[in-house]
Amino acid sequence: MCYHAGMKKKLQLKLTIRLYSDDDERCFGPGIAVLLHRVEEHHSLRAAAASMEMAYSKAWRIVRTAEAVFGCKLLDSATGGKNGGGAALTKEAKALLTDYDGYCAEVSAFASEKFKSYFEERKE
């Protein structure tokens, strides 16, 4: 195969995993996973969105979409005021993130091995 012998650049695998509902609505993927991890870090949806250069309204929209599909709240939030408000992940959100991150890690490890066998180790 000419594409192996004559390749000028090394190939790399970039895998993203997105979950869709049965009516084909995208409901969870790398973007919301990072957003939720950043909510854990910043204790604020607004700060999490800002750290990703994402509009606050978009952050709320993707959280609400996921909540509608999964049928549970993902964030416990308090509005501003004397104590400043903030957000925290619900136990359901923490479980979902743990499952998503674990699944992504396993699929990525498997895909990396397959990628090597097809595009790095094959000599022709």
PDB file of N, CA and C in Angstrom:
ATOM      1  N   MET A   1       0.826  -1.178   0.000  1.00  0.00           N
ATOM      2  CA  MET A   1       0.000   0.000   0.000  1.00  0.00           C
ATOM      3  C   MET A   1       0.869   1.240   0.000  1.00  0.00           C
ATOM      4  N   CYS A   2       0.610   2.126  -0.905  1.00  0.00           N
ATOM      5  CA  CYS A   2       1.462   3.306  -1.035  1.00  0.00           C
ATOM      6  C   CYS A   2       1.311   4.272   0.125  1.00  0.00           C
ATOM      7  N   TYR A   3       0.158   4.297   0.765  1.00  0.00           N
ATOM      8  CA  TYR A   3       0.003   5.292   1.815  1.00  0.00           C
ATOM      9  C   TYR A   3       0.862   4.984   3.032  1.00  0.00           C
ATOM     10  N   HIS A   4       1.274   3.731   3.229  1.00  0.00           N
ATOM     11  CA  HIS A   4       2.186   3.418   4.337  1.00  0.00           C
ATOM     12  C   HIS A   4       3.608   3.823   3.997  1.00  0.00           C
ATOM     13  N   ALA A   5       4.080   3.420   2.851  1.00  0.00           N
ATOM     14  CA  ALA A   5       5.468   3.644   2.480  1.00  0.00           C
ATOM     15  C   ALA A   5       5.772   5.116   2.226  1.00  0.00           C
ATOM     16  N   GLY A   6       4.838   5.825   1.642  1.00  0.00           N
ATOM     17  CA  GLY A   6       5.129   7.193   1.246  1.00  0.00           C
ATOM     18  C   GLY A   6       4.601   8.270   2.172  1.00  0.00           C
ATOM     19  N   MET A   7       4.144   7.889   3.345  1.00  0.00           N
ATOM     20  CA  MET A   7       3.573   8.897   4.245  1.00  0.00           C
ATOM     21  C   MET A   7       4.636   9.890   4.691  1.00  0.00           C
ATOM     22  N   LYS A   8       4.302  11.154   4.633  1.00  0.00           N
ATOM     23  CA  LYS A   8       5.239  12.199   5.022  1.00  0.00           C
ATOM     24  C   LYS A   8       5.035  12.657   6.466  1.00  0.00           C
ATOM     25  N   LYS A   9       3.873  12.407   7.009  1.00  0.00           N
ATOM     26  CA  LYS A   9       3.585  12.789   8.383  1.00  0.00           C
ATOM     27  C   LYS A   9       3.080  11.584   9.157  1.00  0.00           C
ATOM     28  N   LYS A  10       3.332  11.603  10.454  1.00  0.00           N
ATOM     29  CA  LYS A  10       2.862  10.530  11.321  1.00  0.00           C
ATOM     30  C   LYS A  10       1.382  10.735  11.620  1.00  0.00           C
ATOM     31  N   LEU A  11       0.628   9.661  11.598  1.00  0.00           N
ATOM     32  CA  LEU A  11      -0.797   9.724  11.923  1.00  0.00           C
ATOM     33  C   LEU A  11      -0.997   9.632  13.426  1.00  0.00           C
ATOM     34  N   GLN A  12      -2.064  10.246  13.884  1.00  0.00           N
ATOM     35  CA  GLN A  12      -2.450  10.117  15.282  1.00  0.00           C
ATOM     36  C   GLN A  12      -3.942   9.881  15.354  1.00  0.00           C
ATOM     37  N   LEU A  13      -4.358   9.240  16.408  1.00  0.00           N
ATOM     38  CA  LEU A  13      -5.761   8.935  16.621  1.00  0.00           C
ATOM     39  C   LEU A  13      -6.368   9.993  17.533  1.00  0.00           C
ATOM     40  N   LYS A  14      -7.503  10.528  17.145  1.00  0.00           N
ATOM     41  CA  LYS A  14      -8.247  11.452  18.002  1.00  0.00           C
ATOM     42  C   LYS A  14      -9.672  10.938  18.046  1.00  0.00           C
ATOM     43  N   LEU A  15     -10.041  10.391  19.179  1.00  0.00           N
ATOM     44  CA  LEU A  15     -11.331   9.742  19.350  1.00  0.00           C
ATOM     45  C   LEU A  15     -12.198  10.566  20.286  1.00  0.00           C
ATOM     46  N   THR A  16     -13.428  10.846  19.875  1.00  0.00           N
ATOM     47  CA  THR A  16     -14.375  11.505  20.763  1.00  0.00           C
ATOM     48  C   THR A  16     -15.621  10.632  20.857  1.00  0.00           C
ATOM     49  N   ILE A  17     -16.173  10.576  22.043  1.00  0.00           N
ATOM     50  CA  ILE A  17     -17.345   9.744  22.280  1.00  0.00           C
ATOM     51  C   ILE A  17     -18.498  10.639  22.699  1.00  0.00           C
ATOM     52  N   ARG A  18     -19.567  10.547  21.934  1.00  0.00           N
ATOM     53  CA  ARG A  18     -20.774  11.311  22.227  1.00  0.00           C
ATOM     54  C   ARG A  18     -21.934  10.353  22.416  1.00  0.00           C
ATOM     55  N   LEU A  19     -22.768  10.654  23.392  1.00  0.00           N
ATOM     56  CA  LEU A  19     -23.944   9.839  23.655  1.00  0.00           C
ATOM     57  C   LEU A  19     -25.170  10.536  23.074  1.00  0.00           C
ATOM     58  N   TYR A  20     -26.046   9.741  22.468  1.00  0.00           N
ATOM     59  CA  TYR A  20     -27.273  10.254  21.857  1.00  0.00           C
ATOM     60  C   TYR A  20     -28.460   9.521  22.447  1.00  0.00           C
ATOM     61  N   SER A  21     -29.571  10.223  22.542  1.00  0.00           N
ATOM     62  CA  SER A  21     -30.811   9.592  22.994  1.00  0.00           C
ATOM     63  C   SER A  21     -31.390   8.767  21.855  1.00  0.00           C
ATOM     64  N   ASP A  22     -32.421   7.990  22.145  1.00  0.00           N
ATOM     65  CA  ASP A  22     -33.007   7.137  21.116  1.00  0.00           C
ATOM     66  C   ASP A  22     -33.681   7.929  19.993  1.00  0.00           C
ATOM     67  N   ASP A  23     -33.945   9.220  20.222  1.00  0.00           N
ATOM     68  CA  ASP A  23     -34.490  10.047  19.138  1.00  0.00           C
ATOM     69  C   ASP A  23     -33.389  10.865  18.463  1.00  0.00           C
ATOM     70  N   ASP A  24     -32.151  10.408  18.624  1.00  0.00           N
ATOM     71  CA  ASP A  24     -30.967  10.957  17.957  1.00  0.00           C
ATOM     72  C   ASP A  24     -30.594  12.367  18.425  1.00  0.00           C
ATOM     73  N   GLU A  25     -30.923  12.697  19.662  1.00  0.00           N
ATOM     74  CA  GLU A  25     -30.532  13.989  20.223  1.00  0.00           C
ATOM     75  C   GLU A  25     -29.218  13.804  20.978  1.00  0.00           C
ATOM     76  N   ARG A  26     -28.231  14.628  20.627  1.00  0.00           N
ATOM     77  CA  ARG A  26     -26.947  14.560  21.329  1.00  0.00           C
ATOM     78  C   ARG A  26     -27.169  15.038  22.758  1.00  0.00           C
ATOM     79  N   CYS A  27     -26.756  14.220  23.741  1.00  0.00           N
ATOM     80  CA  CYS A  27     -27.049  14.569  25.123  1.00  0.00           C
ATOM     81  C   CYS A  27     -25.834  14.580  26.039  1.00  0.00           C
ATOM     82  N   PHE A  28     -24.739  13.959  25.640  1.00  0.00           N
ATOM     83  CA  PHE A  28     -23.563  13.951  26.512  1.00  0.00           C
ATOM     84  C   PHE A  28     -22.330  13.655  25.680  1.00  0.00           C
ATOM     85  N   GLY A  29     -21.255  14.361  25.974  1.00  0.00           N
ATOM     86  CA  GLY A  29     -20.010  14.158  25.250  1.00  0.00           C
ATOM     87  C   GLY A  29     -18.875  14.874  25.948  1.00  0.00           C
ATOM     88  N   PRO A  30     -17.777  15.052  25.233  1.00  0.00           N
ATOM     89  CA  PRO A  30     -16.595  15.644  25.863  1.00  0.00           C
ATOM     90  C   PRO A  30     -16.809  17.069  26.356  1.00  0.00           C
ATOM     91  N   GLY A  31     -17.631  17.850  25.670  1.00  0.00           N
ATOM     92  CA  GLY A  31     -17.853  19.233  26.075  1.00  0.00           C
ATOM     93  C   GLY A  31     -18.534  19.352  27.421  1.00  0.00           C
ATOM     94  N   ILE A  32     -19.648  18.651  27.591  1.00  0.00           N
ATOM     95  CA  ILE A  32     -20.354  18.734  28.878  1.00  0.00           C
ATOM     96  C   ILE A  32     -19.560  18.027  29.970  1.00  0.00           C
ATOM     97  N   ALA A  33     -18.802  17.000  29.619  1.00  0.00           N
ATOM     98  CA  ALA A  33     -17.971  16.334  30.627  1.00  0.00           C
ATOM     99  C   ALA A  33     -16.939  17.319  31.184  1.00  0.00           C
ATOM    100  N   VAL A  34     -16.266  18.048  30.303  1.00  0.00           N
ATOM    101  CA  VAL A  34     -15.293  19.050  30.756  1.00  0.00           C
ATOM    102  C   VAL A  34     -16.008  20.127  31.569  1.00  0.00           C
ATOM    103  N   LEU A  35     -17.163  20.577  31.090  1.00  0.00           N
ATOM    104  CA  LEU A  35     -17.925  21.595  31.805  1.00  0.00           C
ATOM    105  C   LEU A  35     -18.238  21.136  33.230  1.00  0.00           C
ATOM    106  N   LEU A  36     -18.721  19.913  33.377  1.00  0.00           N
ATOM    107  CA  LEU A  36     -19.054  19.411  34.720  1.00  0.00           C
ATOM    108  C   LEU A  36     -17.812  19.264  35.596  1.00  0.00           C
ATOM    109  N   HIS A  37     -16.708  18.807  35.013  1.00  0.00           N
ATOM    110  CA  HIS A  37     -15.462  18.737  35.780  1.00  0.00           C
ATOM    111  C   HIS A  37     -15.040  20.135  36.251  1.00  0.00           C
ATOM    112  N   ARG A  38     -15.239  21.116  35.392  1.00  0.00           N
ATOM    113  CA  ARG A  38     -14.871  22.489  35.770  1.00  0.00           C
ATOM    114  C   ARG A  38     -15.829  23.071  36.808  1.00  0.00           C
ATOM    115  N   VAL A  39     -17.087  22.661  36.790  1.00  0.00           N
ATOM    116  CA  VAL A  39     -18.005  23.072  37.860  1.00  0.00           C
ATOM    117  C   VAL A  39     -17.479  22.538  39.193  1.00  0.00           C
ATOM    118  N   GLU A  40     -16.999  21.306  39.194  1.00  0.00           N
ATOM    119  CA  GLU A  40     -16.404  20.745  40.421  1.00  0.00           C
ATOM    120  C   GLU A  40     -15.222  21.593  40.887  1.00  0.00           C
ATOM    121  N   GLU A  41     -14.427  22.035  39.935  1.00  0.00           N
ATOM    122  CA  GLU A  41     -13.226  22.807  40.241  1.00  0.00           C
ATOM    123  C   GLU A  41     -13.564  24.228  40.711  1.00  0.00           C
ATOM    124  N   HIS A  42     -14.477  24.890  39.999  1.00  0.00           N
ATOM    125  CA  HIS A  42     -14.768  26.303  40.257  1.00  0.00           C
ATOM    126  C   HIS A  42     -15.982  26.544  41.160  1.00  0.00           C
ATOM    127  N   HIS A  43     -16.782  25.507  41.396  1.00  0.00           N
ATOM    128  CA  HIS A  43     -18.007  25.620  42.202  1.00  0.00           C
ATOM    129  C   HIS A  43     -18.983  26.651  41.634  1.00  0.00           C
ATOM    130  N   SER A  44     -18.964  26.774  40.302  1.00  0.00           N
ATOM    131  CA  SER A  44     -19.809  27.758  39.637  1.00  0.00           C
ATOM    132  C   SER A  44     -19.958  27.370  38.171  1.00  0.00           C
ATOM    133  N   LEU A  45     -21.194  27.359  37.688  1.00  0.00           N
ATOM    134  CA  LEU A  45     -21.401  27.090  36.265  1.00  0.00           C
ATOM    135  C   LEU A  45     -20.891  28.255  35.442  1.00  0.00           C
ATOM    136  N   ARG A  46     -21.113  29.470  35.901  1.00  0.00           N
ATOM    137  CA  ARG A  46     -20.646  30.645  35.160  1.00  0.00           C
ATOM    138  C   ARG A  46     -19.121  30.623  35.013  1.00  0.00           C
ATOM    139  N   ALA A  47     -18.410  30.355  36.104  1.00  0.00           N
ATOM    140  CA  ALA A  47     -16.943  30.310  36.061  1.00  0.00           C
ATOM    141  C   ALA A  47     -16.456  29.136  35.213  1.00  0.00           C
ATOM    142  N   ALA A  48     -17.146  28.004  35.314  1.00  0.00           N
ATOM    143  CA  ALA A  48     -16.772  26.839  34.495  1.00  0.00           C
ATOM    144  C   ALA A  48     -16.916  27.165  33.014  1.00  0.00           C
ATOM    145  N   ALA A  49     -18.038  27.776  32.645  1.00  0.00           N
ATOM    146  CA  ALA A  49     -18.269  28.150  31.244  1.00  0.00           C
ATOM    147  C   ALA A  49     -17.220  29.156  30.787  1.00  0.00           C
ATOM    148  N   ALA A  50     -16.944  30.160  31.615  1.00  0.00           N
ATOM    149  CA  ALA A  50     -15.951  31.176  31.253  1.00  0.00           C
ATOM    150  C   ALA A  50     -14.570  30.553  31.049  1.00  0.00           C
ATOM    151  N   SER A  51     -14.228  29.558  31.857  1.00  0.00           N
ATOM    152  CA  SER A  51     -12.915  28.918  31.731  1.00  0.00           C
ATOM    153  C   SER A  51     -12.775  28.161  30.408  1.00  0.00           C
ATOM    154  N   MET A  52     -13.922  27.851  29.785  1.00  0.00           N
ATOM    155  CA  MET A  52     -13.926  27.152  28.499  1.00  0.00           C
ATOM    156  C   MET A  52     -14.235  28.105  27.342  1.00  0.00           C
ATOM    157  N   GLU A  53     -14.355  29.396  27.664  1.00  0.00           N
ATOM    158  CA  GLU A  53     -14.762  30.400  26.682  1.00  0.00           C
ATOM    159  C   GLU A  53     -16.104  30.029  26.055  1.00  0.00           C
ATOM    160  N   MET A  54     -17.017  29.564  26.895  1.00  0.00           N
ATOM    161  CA  MET A  54     -18.355  29.161  26.485  1.00  0.00           C
ATOM    162  C   MET A  54     -19.350  30.155  27.082  1.00  0.00           C
ATOM    163  N   ALA A  55     -20.349  30.514  26.312  1.00  0.00           N
ATOM    164  CA  ALA A  55     -21.391  31.399  26.821  1.00  0.00           C
ATOM    165  C   ALA A  55     -22.138  30.696  27.958  1.00  0.00           C
ATOM    166  N   TYR A  56     -22.462  31.465  28.986  1.00  0.00           N
ATOM    167  CA  TYR A  56     -23.192  30.936  30.129  1.00  0.00           C
ATOM    168  C   TYR A  56     -24.529  30.346  29.680  1.00  0.00           C
ATOM    169  N   SER A  57     -25.184  31.010  28.725  1.00  0.00           N
ATOM    170  CA  SER A  57     -26.475  30.512  28.225  1.00  0.00           C
ATOM    171  C   SER A  57     -26.310  29.160  27.532  1.00  0.00           C
ATOM    172  N   LYS A  58     -25.204  28.970  26.819  1.00  0.00           N
ATOM    173  CA  LYS A  58     -24.957  27.670  26.174  1.00  0.00           C
ATOM    174  C   LYS A  58     -24.689  26.602  27.229  1.00  0.00           C
ATOM    175  N   ALA A  59     -23.950  26.958  28.258  1.00  0.00           N
ATOM    176  CA  ALA A  59     -23.669  26.005  29.341  1.00  0.00           C
ATOM    177  C   ALA A  59     -24.974  25.522  29.958  1.00  0.00           C
ATOM    178  N   TRP A  60     -25.884  26.455  30.257  1.00  0.00           N
ATOM    179  CA  TRP A  60     -27.166  26.057  30.819  1.00  0.00           C
ATOM    180  C   TRP A  60     -27.954  25.195  29.845  1.00  0.00           C
ATOM    181  N   ARG A  61     -27.899  25.546  28.564  1.00  0.00           N
ATOM    182  CA  ARG A  61     -28.652  24.787  27.552  1.00  0.00           C
ATOM    183  C   ARG A  61     -28.169  23.341  27.477  1.00  0.00           C
ATOM    184  N   ILE A  62     -26.868  23.115  27.465  1.00  0.00           N
ATOM    185  CA  ILE A  62     -26.391  21.733  27.349  1.00  0.00           C
ATOM    186  C   ILE A  62     -26.637  20.947  28.638  1.00  0.00           C
ATOM    187  N   VAL A  63     -26.581  21.622  29.782  1.00  0.00           N
ATOM    188  CA  VAL A  63     -26.902  20.950  31.042  1.00  0.00           C
ATOM    189  C   VAL A  63     -28.377  20.559  31.052  1.00  0.00           C
ATOM    190  N   ARG A  64     -29.240  21.475  30.653  1.00  0.00           N
ATOM    191  CA  ARG A  64     -30.685  21.173  30.643  1.00  0.00           C
ATOM    192  C   ARG A  64     -31.021  20.047  29.662  1.00  0.00           C
ATOM    193  N   THR A  65     -30.373  20.030  28.509  1.00  0.00           N
ATOM    194  CA  THR A  65     -30.604  18.956  27.537  1.00  0.00           C
ATOM    195  C   THR A  65     -30.237  17.613  28.147  1.00  0.00           C
ATOM    196  N   ALA A  66     -29.071  17.536  28.778  1.00  0.00           N
ATOM    197  CA  ALA A  66     -28.641  16.283  29.413  1.00  0.00           C
ATOM    198  C   ALA A  66     -29.594  15.897  30.543  1.00  0.00           C
ATOM    199  N   GLU A  67     -30.012  16.869  31.336  1.00  0.00           N
ATOM    200  CA  GLU A  67     -30.943  16.571  32.428  1.00  0.00           C
ATOM    201  C   GLU A  67     -32.262  16.011  31.894  1.00  0.00           C
ATOM    202  N   ALA A  68     -32.734  16.565  30.793  1.00  0.00           N
ATOM    203  CA  ALA A  68     -33.996  16.089  30.211  1.00  0.00           C
ATOM    204  C   ALA A  68     -33.863  14.653  29.719  1.00  0.00           C
ATOM    205  N   VAL A  69     -32.752  14.327  29.095  1.00  0.00           N
ATOM    206  CA  VAL A  69     -32.554  12.974  28.570  1.00  0.00           C
ATOM    207  C   VAL A  69     -32.345  11.969  29.702  1.00  0.00           C
ATOM    208  N   PHE A  70     -31.518  12.320  30.686  1.00  0.00           N
ATOM    209  CA  PHE A  70     -31.214  11.385  31.769  1.00  0.00           C
ATOM    210  C   PHE A  70     -32.291  11.357  32.849  1.00  0.00           C
ATOM    211  N   GLY A  71     -33.163  12.360  32.857  1.00  0.00           N
ATOM    212  CA  GLY A  71     -34.272  12.375  33.807  1.00  0.00           C
ATOM    213  C   GLY A  71     -33.874  12.688  35.233  1.00  0.00           C
ATOM    214  N   CYS A  72     -32.802  13.443  35.384  1.00  0.00           N
ATOM    215  CA  CYS A  72     -32.369  13.830  36.724  1.00  0.00           C
ATOM    216  C   CYS A  72     -31.611  15.148  36.655  1.00  0.00           C
ATOM    217  N   LYS A  73     -31.531  15.809  37.805  1.00  0.00           N
ATOM    218  CA  LYS A  73     -30.741  17.039  37.872  1.00  0.00           C
ATOM    219  C   LYS A  73     -29.257  16.679  37.896  1.00  0.00           C
ATOM    220  N   LEU A  74     -28.465  17.495  37.226  1.00  0.00           N
ATOM    221  CA  LEU A  74     -27.018  17.307  37.238  1.00  0.00           C
ATOM    222  C   LEU A  74     -26.323  18.335  38.126  1.00  0.00           C
ATOM    223  N   LEU A  75     -26.991  19.461  38.348  1.00  0.00           N
ATOM    224  CA  LEU A  75     -26.407  20.524  39.163  1.00  0.00           C
ATOM    225  C   LEU A  75     -27.349  20.928  40.281  1.00  0.00           C
ATOM    226  N   ASP A  76     -26.772  21.144  41.444  1.00  0.00           N
ATOM    227  CA  ASP A  76     -27.457  21.827  42.527  1.00  0.00           C
ATOM    228  C   ASP A  76     -26.884  23.229  42.507  1.00  0.00           C
ATOM    229  N   SER A  77     -27.738  24.219  42.315  1.00  0.00           N
ATOM    230  CA  SER A  77     -27.223  25.580  42.245  1.00  0.00           C
ATOM    231  C   SER A  77     -27.950  26.478  43.218  1.00  0.00           C
ATOM    232  N   ALA A  78     -27.205  27.483  43.657  1.00  0.00           N
ATOM    233  CA  ALA A  78     -27.759  28.508  44.536  1.00  0.00           C
ATOM    234  C   ALA A  78     -27.512  29.853  43.880  1.00  0.00           C
ATOM    235  N   THR A  79     -28.525  30.693  43.864  1.00  0.00           N
ATOM    236  CA  THR A  79     -28.357  32.010  43.259  1.00  0.00           C
ATOM    237  C   THR A  79     -27.496  32.879  44.153  1.00  0.00           C
ATOM    238  N   GLY A  80     -26.957  33.932  43.563  1.00  0.00           N
ATOM    239  CA  GLY A  80     -26.076  34.846  44.297  1.00  0.00           C
ATOM    240  C   GLY A  80     -26.784  35.509  45.467  1.00  0.00           C
ATOM    241  N   GLY A  81     -26.054  36.303  46.155  1.00  0.00           N
ATOM    242  CA  GLY A  81     -26.598  36.970  47.334  1.00  0.00           C
ATOM    243  C   GLY A  81     -25.515  37.104  48.376  1.00  0.00           C
ATOM    244  N   LYS A  82     -25.905  37.055  49.629  1.00  0.00           N
ATOM    245  CA  LYS A  82     -24.960  37.240  50.736  1.00  0.00           C
ATOM    246  C   LYS A  82     -23.793  36.246  50.668  1.00  0.00           C
ATOM    247  N   ASN A  83     -24.098  34.976  50.345  1.00  0.00           N
ATOM    248  CA  ASN A  83     -23.051  33.948  50.280  1.00  0.00           C
ATOM    249  C   ASN A  83     -22.509  33.730  48.873  1.00  0.00           C
ATOM    250  N   GLY A  84     -22.975  34.478  47.893  1.00  0.00           N
ATOM    251  CA  GLY A  84     -22.394  34.454  46.560  1.00  0.00           C
ATOM    252  C   GLY A  84     -22.898  33.394  45.606  1.00  0.00           C
ATOM    253  N   GLY A  85     -23.745  32.491  46.011  1.00  0.00           N
ATOM    254  CA  GLY A  85     -24.271  31.476  45.103  1.00  0.00           C
ATOM    255  C   GLY A  85     -23.216  30.450  44.728  1.00  0.00           C
ATOM    256  N   GLY A  86     -23.510  29.690  43.683  1.00  0.00           N
ATOM    257  CA  GLY A  86     -22.565  28.682  43.220  1.00  0.00           C
ATOM    258  C   GLY A  86     -23.285  27.457  42.710  1.00  0.00           C
ATOM    259  N   ALA A  87     -22.513  26.456  42.344  1.00  0.00           N
ATOM    260  CA  ALA A  87     -23.082  25.217  41.811  1.00  0.00           C
ATOM    261  C   ALA A  87     -22.237  24.038  42.262  1.00  0.00           C
ATOM    262  N   ALA A  88     -22.901  22.907  42.390  1.00  0.00           N
ATOM    263  CA  ALA A  88     -22.230  21.653  42.741  1.00  0.00           C
ATOM    264  C   ALA A  88     -22.880  20.533  41.946  1.00  0.00           C
ATOM    265  N   LEU A  89     -22.117  19.503  41.672  1.00  0.00           N
ATOM    266  CA  LEU A  89     -22.653  18.350  40.961  1.00  0.00           C
ATOM    267  C   LEU A  89     -23.532  17.533  41.900  1.00  0.00           C
ATOM    268  N   THR A  90     -24.614  17.017  41.343  1.00  0.00           N
ATOM    269  CA  THR A  90     -25.444  16.086  42.102  1.00  0.00           C
ATOM    270  C   THR A  90     -24.751  14.733  42.129  1.00  0.00           C
ATOM    271  N   LYS A  91     -25.227  13.844  42.985  1.00  0.00           N
ATOM    272  CA  LYS A  91     -24.637  12.495  43.020  1.00  0.00           C
ATOM    273  C   LYS A  91     -24.841  11.795  41.678  1.00  0.00           C
ATOM    274  N   GLU A  92     -25.958  12.079  40.998  1.00  0.00           N
ATOM    275  CA  GLU A  92     -26.205  11.483  39.667  1.00  0.00           C
ATOM    276  C   GLU A  92     -25.192  11.992  38.650  1.00  0.00           C
ATOM    277  N   ALA A  93     -24.866  13.280  38.718  1.00  0.00           N
ATOM    278  CA  ALA A  93     -23.873  13.844  37.796  1.00  0.00           C
ATOM    279  C   ALA A  93     -22.498  13.233  38.050  1.00  0.00           C
ATOM    280  N   LYS A  94     -22.150  13.068  39.316  1.00  0.00           N
ATOM    281  CA  LYS A  94     -20.849  12.461  39.646  1.00  0.00           C
ATOM    282  C   LYS A  94     -20.772  11.028  39.132  1.00  0.00           C
ATOM    283  N   ALA A  95     -21.861  10.279  39.289  1.00  0.00           N
ATOM    284  CA  ALA A  95     -21.885   8.892  38.797  1.00  0.00           C
ATOM    285  C   ALA A  95     -21.802   8.865  37.270  1.00  0.00           C
ATOM    286  N   LEU A  96     -22.534   9.747  36.612  1.00  0.00           N
ATOM    287  CA  LEU A  96     -22.504   9.821  35.151  1.00  0.00           C
ATOM    288  C   LEU A  96     -21.105  10.159  34.651  1.00  0.00           C
ATOM    289  N   LEU A  97     -20.454  11.134  35.282  1.00  0.00           N
ATOM    290  CA  LEU A  97     -19.088  11.501  34.887  1.00  0.00           C
ATOM    291  C   LEU A  97     -18.112  10.346  35.095  1.00  0.00           C
ATOM    292  N   THR A  98     -18.236   9.666  36.212  1.00  0.00           N
ATOM    293  CA  THR A  98     -17.365   8.522  36.489  1.00  0.00           C
ATOM    294  C   THR A  98     -17.549   7.445  35.417  1.00  0.00           C
ATOM    295  N   ASP A  99     -18.805   7.146  35.088  1.00  0.00           N
ATOM    296  CA  ASP A  99     -19.076   6.130  34.065  1.00  0.00           C
ATOM    297  C   ASP A  99     -18.584   6.576  32.695  1.00  0.00           C
ATOM    298  N   TYR A 100     -18.849   7.828  32.324  1.00  0.00           N
ATOM    299  CA  TYR A 100     -18.428   8.343  31.018  1.00  0.00           C
ATOM    300  C   TYR A 100     -16.903   8.344  30.907  1.00  0.00           C
ATOM    301  N   ASP A 101     -16.231   8.859  31.935  1.00  0.00           N
ATOM    302  CA  ASP A 101     -14.761   8.903  31.912  1.00  0.00           C
ATOM    303  C   ASP A 101     -14.157   7.504  31.838  1.00  0.00           C
ATOM    304  N   GLY A 102     -14.722   6.569  32.610  1.00  0.00           N
ATOM    305  CA  GLY A 102     -14.229   5.191  32.581  1.00  0.00           C
ATOM    306  C   GLY A 102     -14.437   4.536  31.234  1.00  0.00           C
ATOM    307  N   TYR A 103     -15.622   4.724  30.680  1.00  0.00           N
ATOM    308  CA  TYR A 103     -15.937   4.165  29.358  1.00  0.00           C
ATOM    309  C   TYR A 103     -14.992   4.744  28.303  1.00  0.00           C
ATOM    310  N   CYS A 104     -14.805   6.068  28.325  1.00  0.00           N
ATOM    311  CA  CYS A 104     -13.904   6.711  27.353  1.00  0.00           C
ATOM    312  C   CYS A 104     -12.481   6.180  27.473  1.00  0.00           C
ATOM    313  N   ALA A 105     -12.019   5.983  28.696  1.00  0.00           N
ATOM    314  CA  ALA A 105     -10.663   5.475  28.904  1.00  0.00           C
ATOM    315  C   ALA A 105     -10.507   4.064  28.337  1.00  0.00           C
ATOM    316  N   GLU A 106     -11.495   3.213  28.590  1.00  0.00           N
ATOM    317  CA  GLU A 106     -11.423   1.844  28.070  1.00  0.00           C
ATOM    318  C   GLU A 106     -11.503   1.801  26.553  1.00  0.00           C
ATOM    319  N   VAL A 107     -12.417   2.565  25.975  1.00  0.00           N
ATOM    320  CA  VAL A 107     -12.559   2.590  24.521  1.00  0.00           C
ATOM    321  C   VAL A 107     -11.299   3.176  23.888  1.00  0.00           C
ATOM    322  N   SER A 108     -10.744   4.219  24.485  1.00  0.00           N
ATOM    323  CA  SER A 108      -9.527   4.838  23.945  1.00  0.00           C
ATOM    324  C   SER A 108      -8.343   3.877  23.974  1.00  0.00           C
ATOM    325  N   ALA A 109      -8.217   3.132  25.065  1.00  0.00           N
ATOM    326  CA  ALA A 109      -7.117   2.159  25.154  1.00  0.00           C
ATOM    327  C   ALA A 109      -7.267   1.089  24.081  1.00  0.00           C
ATOM    328  N   PHE A 110      -8.477   0.580  23.910  1.00  0.00           N
ATOM    329  CA  PHE A 110      -8.732  -0.425  22.877  1.00  0.00           C
ATOM    330  C   PHE A 110      -8.473   0.157  21.487  1.00  0.00           C
ATOM    331  N   ALA A 111      -8.989   1.356  21.245  1.00  0.00           N
ATOM    332  CA  ALA A 111      -8.828   1.990  19.930  1.00  0.00           C
ATOM    333  C   ALA A 111      -7.361   2.280  19.633  1.00  0.00           C
ATOM    334  N   SER A 112      -6.589   2.658  20.645  1.00  0.00           N
ATOM    335  CA  SER A 112      -5.163   2.938  20.443  1.00  0.00           C
ATOM    336  C   SER A 112      -4.411   1.685  20.005  1.00  0.00           C
ATOM    337  N   GLU A 113      -4.728   0.562  20.634  1.00  0.00           N
ATOM    338  CA  GLU A 113      -4.089  -0.695  20.246  1.00  0.00           C
ATOM    339  C   GLU A 113      -4.448  -1.072  18.805  1.00  0.00           C
ATOM    340  N   LYS A 114      -5.722  -0.939  18.462  1.00  0.00           N
ATOM    341  CA  LYS A 114      -6.150  -1.244  17.095  1.00  0.00           C
ATOM    342  C   LYS A 114      -5.506  -0.286  16.101  1.00  0.00           C
ATOM    343  N   PHE A 115      -5.432   0.987  16.452  1.00  0.00           N
ATOM    344  CA  PHE A 115      -4.813   1.981  15.593  1.00  0.00           C
ATOM    345  C   PHE A 115      -3.356   1.601  15.300  1.00  0.00           C
ATOM    346  N   LYS A 116      -2.634   1.226  16.352  1.00  0.00           N
ATOM    347  CA  LYS A 116      -1.232   0.821  16.168  1.00  0.00           C
ATOM    348  C   LYS A 116      -1.127  -0.368  15.220  1.00  0.00           C
ATOM    349  N   SER A 117      -2.008  -1.345  15.400  1.00  0.00           N
ATOM    350  CA  SER A 117      -1.905  -2.546  14.564  1.00  0.00           C
ATOM    351  C   SER A 117      -2.244  -2.258  13.104  1.00  0.00           C
ATOM    352  N   TYR A 118      -3.082  -1.292  12.848  1.00  0.00           N
ATOM    353  CA  TYR A 118      -3.463  -0.976  11.474  1.00  0.00           C
ATOM    354  C   TYR A 118      -2.573   0.088  10.830  1.00  0.00           C
ATOM    355  N   PHE A 119      -2.094   1.056  11.595  1.00  0.00           N
ATOM    356  CA  PHE A 119      -1.417   2.182  10.976  1.00  0.00           C
ATOM    357  C   PHE A 119       0.027   2.407  11.401  1.00  0.00           C
ATOM    358  N   GLU A 120       0.496   1.725  12.452  1.00  0.00           N
ATOM    359  CA  GLU A 120       1.880   1.939  12.880  1.00  0.00           C
ATOM    360  C   GLU A 120       2.734   0.697  12.755  1.00  0.00           C
ATOM    361  N   GLU A 121       2.168  -0.469  13.076  1.00  0.00           N
ATOM    362  CA  GLU A 121       2.966  -1.693  13.119  1.00  0.00           C
ATOM    363  C   GLU A 121       3.022  -2.420  11.788  1.00  0.00           C
ATOM    364  N   ARG A 122       2.087  -2.172  10.917  1.00  0.00           N
ATOM    365  CA  ARG A 122       2.031  -2.866   9.635  1.00  0.00           C
ATOM    366  C   ARG A 122       3.142  -2.357   8.716  1.00  0.00           C
ATOM    367  N   LYS A 123       3.946  -3.249   8.232  1.00  0.00           N
ATOM    368  CA  LYS A 123       5.035  -2.892   7.304  1.00  0.00           C
ATOM    369  C   LYS A 123       4.778  -3.613   5.993  1.00  0.00           C
ATOM    370  N   GLU A 124       4.713  -2.833   4.942  1.00  0.00           N
ATOM    371  CA  GLU A 124       4.512  -3.453   3.614  1.00  0.00           C
ATOM    372  C   GLU A 124       5.446  -2.824   2.610  1.00  0.00           C
TER     373      GLU A 124
END
